[in-house]
C-alpha atoms as a PDB file:
ATOM      1  CA  UNK A   1     118.190  56.848  76.719  1.00  0.00           C
ATOM      2  CA  UNK A   2     119.648  57.161  80.385  1.00  0.00           C
ATOM      3  CA  UNK A   3     123.043  57.720  79.082  1.00  0.00           C
ATOM      4  CA  UNK A   4     121.810  60.761  77.220  1.00  0.00           C
ATOM      5  CA  UNK A   5     120.095  61.961  80.248  1.00  0.00           C
ATOM      6  CA  UNK A   6     123.288  61.714  82.173  1.00  0.00           C
ATOM      7  CA  UNK A   7     125.091  63.799  79.830  1.00  0.00           C
ATOM      8  CA  UNK A   8     122.466  66.406  79.720  1.00  0.00           C
ATOM      9  CA  UNK A   9     122.434  66.631  83.358  1.00  0.00           C
ATOM     10  CA  UNK A  10     126.009  67.131  83.792  1.00  0.00           C
ATOM     11  CA  UNK A  11     125.859  70.040  81.127  1.00  0.00           C
ATOM     12  CA  UNK A  12     123.349  71.706  83.330  1.00  0.00           C
ATOM     13  CA  UNK A  13     125.191  71.313  86.589  1.00  0.00           C
ATOM     14  CA  UNK A  14     128.376  72.604  85.007  1.00  0.00           C
ATOM     15  CA  UNK A  15     126.878  75.945  83.953  1.00  0.00           C
ATOM     16  CA  UNK A  16     128.145  79.122  85.662  1.00  0.00           C
ATOM     17  CA  UNK A  17     124.727  80.527  86.115  1.00  0.00           C
ATOM     18  CA  UNK A  18     123.042  80.454  89.389  1.00  0.00           C
ATOM     19  CA  UNK A  19     120.032  78.606  88.371  1.00  0.00           C
ATOM     20  CA  UNK A  20     119.351  76.439  85.263  1.00  0.00           C
ATOM     21  CA  UNK A  21     115.983  74.779  83.974  1.00  0.00           C
ATOM     22  CA  UNK A  22     115.613  71.552  82.163  1.00  0.00           C
ATOM     23  CA  UNK A  23     112.623  69.359  81.259  1.00  0.00           C
ATOM     24  CA  UNK A  24     112.472  65.518  81.218  1.00  0.00           C
ATOM     25  CA  UNK A  25     109.727  63.239  79.986  1.00  0.00           C
ATOM     26  CA  UNK A  26     110.269  60.070  81.907  1.00  0.00           C
ATOM     27  CA  UNK A  27     108.198  56.960  80.569  1.00  0.00           C
ATOM     28  CA  UNK A  28     105.760  55.359  82.952  1.00  0.00           C
ATOM     29  CA  UNK A  29     107.352  53.432  85.683  1.00  0.00           C
ATOM     30  CA  UNK A  30     110.852  54.776  85.065  1.00  0.00           C
ATOM     31  CA  UNK A  31     113.331  55.293  87.991  1.00  0.00           C
ATOM     32  CA  UNK A  32     116.488  57.070  88.080  1.00  0.00           C
ATOM     33  CA  UNK A  33     117.735  54.947  91.081  1.00  0.00           C
ATOM     34  CA  UNK A  34     119.643  56.309  93.975  1.00  0.00           C
ATOM     35  CA  UNK A  35     121.893  59.428  92.897  1.00  0.00           C
ATOM     36  CA  UNK A  36     123.161  62.580  94.010  1.00  0.00           C
ATOM     37  CA  UNK A  37     123.310  66.147  92.572  1.00  0.00           C
ATOM     38  CA  UNK A  38     125.829  68.983  93.053  1.00  0.00           C
ATOM     39  CA  UNK A  39     123.337  71.644  93.431  1.00  0.00           C
ATOM     40  CA  UNK A  40     119.788  71.913  94.696  1.00  0.00           C
ATOM     41  CA  UNK A  41     116.783  70.656  92.797  1.00  0.00           C
ATOM     42  CA  UNK A  42     112.882  71.760  92.283  1.00  0.00           C
ATOM     43  CA  UNK A  43     111.015  68.851  90.733  1.00  0.00           C
ATOM     44  CA  UNK A  44     107.676  69.608  89.262  1.00  0.00           C
ATOM     45  CA  UNK A  45     104.994  67.019  87.950  1.00  0.00           C
ATOM     46  CA  UNK A  46     103.023  68.367  85.070  1.00  0.00           C
ATOM     47  CA  UNK A  47     101.102  65.121  84.484  1.00  0.00           C
ATOM     48  CA  UNK A  48     101.518  61.748  86.279  1.00  0.00           C
ATOM     49  CA  UNK A  49     102.774  61.070  89.839  1.00  0.00           C
ATOM     50  CA  UNK A  50     106.431  60.956  90.983  1.00  0.00           C
ATOM     51  CA  UNK A  51     107.665  59.350  94.088  1.00  0.00           C
ATOM     52  CA  UNK A  52     110.759  61.041  95.380  1.00  0.00           C
ATOM     53  CA  UNK A  53     112.878  59.434  98.068  1.00  0.00           C
ATOM     54  CA  UNK A  54     115.999  60.743 100.153  1.00  0.00           C
ATOM     55  CA  UNK A  55     117.525  60.243 103.485  1.00  0.00           C
ATOM     56  CA  UNK A  56     115.181  62.884 104.959  1.00  0.00           C
ATOM     57  CA  UNK A  57     111.944  61.149 103.707  1.00  0.00           C
ATOM     58  CA  UNK A  58     109.637  60.086 100.923  1.00  0.00           C
ATOM     59  CA  UNK A  59     107.286  62.523  98.831  1.00  0.00           C
ATOM     60  CA  UNK A  60     104.450  61.780  96.503  1.00  0.00           C
ATOM     61  CA  UNK A  61     104.259  64.407  93.906  1.00  0.00           C
ATOM     62  CA  UNK A  62     100.870  64.617  92.075  1.00  0.00           C
ATOM     63  CA  UNK A  63     100.331  66.816  88.771  1.00  0.00           C
ATOM     64  CA  UNK A  64     100.884  70.520  89.286  1.00  0.00           C
ATOM     65  CA  UNK A  65     102.889  70.103  92.338  1.00  0.00           C
ATOM     66  CA  UNK A  66     106.525  70.388  93.100  1.00  0.00           C
ATOM     67  CA  UNK A  67     109.120  69.312  95.623  1.00  0.00           C
END
């Protein structure tokens, strides 16, 4: 499944459009591990809780919130 997500992500980053949207439903306890993106991201939690870590800090993202 992770390989499929990586390929999907690369397609979205390669678009010529200034903005692209994509949805992902991660299973409970999933982690993407440390990684980087060629463009900015907005993460939105519809349900469950996400923990987002970066060099600048750590954010807890509850349902219906974004970071």
